[in-house]
Amino acid sequence: MNDILSAIYRNLLESRFSASLSCPDYRRAVMRVEQCMDELRQALPAEERELPERFWDACSDLHLMELEVMFQVTWTAAREI
């Protein structure tokens, strides 16, 4: 992604995207995820309690990559139209 597209992507992700996720359903989903992570951590032996966090970080990285690809595909499609 070039510098201009990166700047647009970051702006959309930081401002409009997060503002669009302020609905009650999203907040409830976040709370469910946090509760499940807490339960998982408590269920694991002490030496394995960092594993869910590492898994969550890997999932977050994957999700960010997917968002960037969706942005690039949408941008390309908009230019083609």
C-alpha atoms as a PDB file:
ATOM      1  CA  MET A   1       0.000   0.000   0.000  1.00  0.00           C
ATOM      2  CA  ASN A   2       1.405   3.405  -0.885  1.00  0.00           C
ATOM      3  CA  ASP A   3       1.748   6.259   1.627  1.00  0.00           C
ATOM      4  CA  ILE A   4      -1.492   8.017   0.646  1.00  0.00           C
ATOM      5  CA  LEU A   5      -3.559   4.838   0.904  1.00  0.00           C
ATOM      6  CA  SER A   6      -1.885   3.997   4.216  1.00  0.00           C
ATOM      7  CA  ALA A   7      -2.794   7.416   5.592  1.00  0.00           C
ATOM      8  CA  ILE A   8      -6.410   7.091   4.430  1.00  0.00           C
ATOM      9  CA  TYR A   9      -6.636   3.573   5.843  1.00  0.00           C
ATOM     10  CA  ARG A  10      -5.239   4.598   9.234  1.00  0.00           C
ATOM     11  CA  ASN A  11      -7.597   7.583   9.404  1.00  0.00           C
ATOM     12  CA  LEU A  12     -10.637   5.462   8.599  1.00  0.00           C
ATOM     13  CA  LEU A  13      -9.597   2.753  11.037  1.00  0.00           C
ATOM     14  CA  GLU A  14      -8.900   5.183  13.886  1.00  0.00           C
ATOM     15  CA  SER A  15     -11.865   7.510  13.440  1.00  0.00           C
ATOM     16  CA  ARG A  16     -14.806   6.210  11.461  1.00  0.00           C
ATOM     17  CA  PHE A  17     -14.363   2.491  12.019  1.00  0.00           C
ATOM     18  CA  SER A  18     -14.152   2.706  15.799  1.00  0.00           C
ATOM     19  CA  ALA A  19     -16.994   5.234  15.952  1.00  0.00           C
ATOM     20  CA  SER A  20     -19.183   2.832  13.987  1.00  0.00           C
ATOM     21  CA  LEU A  21     -18.642   0.098  16.579  1.00  0.00           C
ATOM     22  CA  SER A  22     -20.275   1.906  19.464  1.00  0.00           C
ATOM     23  CA  CYS A  23     -23.571   0.004  19.254  1.00  0.00           C
ATOM     24  CA  PRO A  24     -24.851  -2.016  22.232  1.00  0.00           C
ATOM     25  CA  ASP A  25     -24.529  -5.333  20.372  1.00  0.00           C
ATOM     26  CA  TYR A  26     -20.818  -4.736  19.808  1.00  0.00           C
ATOM     27  CA  ARG A  27     -20.237  -3.765  23.443  1.00  0.00           C
ATOM     28  CA  ARG A  28     -22.032  -6.952  24.586  1.00  0.00           C
ATOM     29  CA  ALA A  29     -19.877  -9.037  22.231  1.00  0.00           C
ATOM     30  CA  VAL A  30     -16.702  -7.449  23.627  1.00  0.00           C
ATOM     31  CA  MET A  31     -17.856  -8.175  27.161  1.00  0.00           C
ATOM     32  CA  ARG A  32     -18.545 -11.829  26.215  1.00  0.00           C
ATOM     33  CA  VAL A  33     -15.068 -12.182  24.720  1.00  0.00           C
ATOM     34  CA  GLU A  34     -13.444 -10.651  27.801  1.00  0.00           C
ATOM     35  CA  GLN A  35     -15.437 -12.930  30.095  1.00  0.00           C
ATOM     36  CA  CYS A  36     -14.466 -16.008  28.075  1.00  0.00           C
ATOM     37  CA  MET A  37     -10.798 -14.980  28.127  1.00  0.00           C
ATOM     38  CA  ASP A  38     -10.929 -14.518  31.911  1.00  0.00           C
ATOM     39  CA  GLU A  39     -12.557 -17.937  32.363  1.00  0.00           C
ATOM     40  CA  LEU A  40      -9.991 -19.547  30.063  1.00  0.00           C
ATOM     41  CA  ARG A  41      -7.075 -17.965  31.935  1.00  0.00           C
ATOM     42  CA  GLN A  42      -8.463 -19.153  35.271  1.00  0.00           C
ATOM     43  CA  ALA A  43      -9.002 -22.685  33.963  1.00  0.00           C
ATOM     44  CA  LEU A  44      -5.417 -23.042  32.765  1.00  0.00           C
ATOM     45  CA  PRO A  45      -2.437 -23.955  34.922  1.00  0.00           C
ATOM     46  CA  ALA A  46      -0.341 -20.930  35.932  1.00  0.00           C
ATOM     47  CA  GLU A  47       2.454 -21.724  33.473  1.00  0.00           C
ATOM     48  CA  GLU A  48       0.018 -21.699  30.532  1.00  0.00           C
ATOM     49  CA  ARG A  49      -1.983 -18.574  31.379  1.00  0.00           C
ATOM     50  CA  GLU A  50      -0.181 -16.440  28.793  1.00  0.00           C
ATOM     51  CA  LEU A  51      -1.253 -18.757  25.961  1.00  0.00           C
ATOM     52  CA  PRO A  52      -4.755 -17.219  25.513  1.00  0.00           C
ATOM     53  CA  GLU A  53      -3.189 -13.742  25.327  1.00  0.00           C
ATOM     54  CA  ARG A  54      -0.718 -14.866  22.665  1.00  0.00           C
ATOM     55  CA  PHE A  55      -3.586 -16.491  20.751  1.00  0.00           C
ATOM     56  CA  TRP A  56      -5.654 -13.297  21.011  1.00  0.00           C
ATOM     57  CA  ASP A  57      -2.708 -11.205  19.755  1.00  0.00           C
ATOM     58  CA  ALA A  58      -2.277 -13.525  16.760  1.00  0.00           C
ATOM     59  CA  CYS A  59      -6.013 -13.303  15.991  1.00  0.00           C
ATOM     60  CA  SER A  60      -5.851  -9.516  16.235  1.00  0.00           C
ATOM     61  CA  ASP A  61      -2.915  -9.391  13.813  1.00  0.00           C
ATOM     62  CA  LEU A  62      -4.827 -11.601  11.386  1.00  0.00           C
ATOM     63  CA  HIS A  63      -7.930  -9.433  11.680  1.00  0.00           C
ATOM     64  CA  LEU A  64      -5.967  -6.254  10.972  1.00  0.00           C
ATOM     65  CA  MET A  65      -4.504  -7.857   7.863  1.00  0.00           C
ATOM     66  CA  GLU A  66      -8.003  -8.834   6.726  1.00  0.00           C
ATOM     67  CA  LEU A  67      -9.252  -5.282   7.281  1.00  0.00           C
ATOM     68  CA  GLU A  68      -6.390  -3.887   5.214  1.00  0.00           C
ATOM     69  CA  VAL A  69      -7.125  -6.317   2.380  1.00  0.00           C
ATOM     70  CA  MET A  70     -10.826  -5.400   2.464  1.00  0.00           C
ATOM     71  CA  PHE A  71      -9.881  -1.733   2.304  1.00  0.00           C
ATOM     72  CA  GLN A  72      -7.529  -2.297  -0.641  1.00  0.00           C
ATOM     73  CA  VAL A  73     -10.099  -4.366  -2.534  1.00  0.00           C
ATOM     74  CA  THR A  74     -12.821  -1.777  -1.921  1.00  0.00           C
ATOM     75  CA  TRP A  75     -10.501   1.053  -2.976  1.00  0.00           C
ATOM     76  CA  THR A  76      -9.578  -0.792  -6.183  1.00  0.00           C
ATOM     77  CA  ALA A  77     -13.221  -1.559  -6.967  1.00  0.00           C
ATOM     78  CA  ALA A  78     -14.218   2.082  -6.375  1.00  0.00           C
ATOM     79  CA  ARG A  79     -11.492   3.267  -8.756  1.00  0.00           C
ATOM     80  CA  GLU A  80     -12.628   0.771 -11.411  1.00  0.00           C
ATOM     81  CA  ILE A  81     -16.195   2.036 -11.227  1.00  0.00           C
END
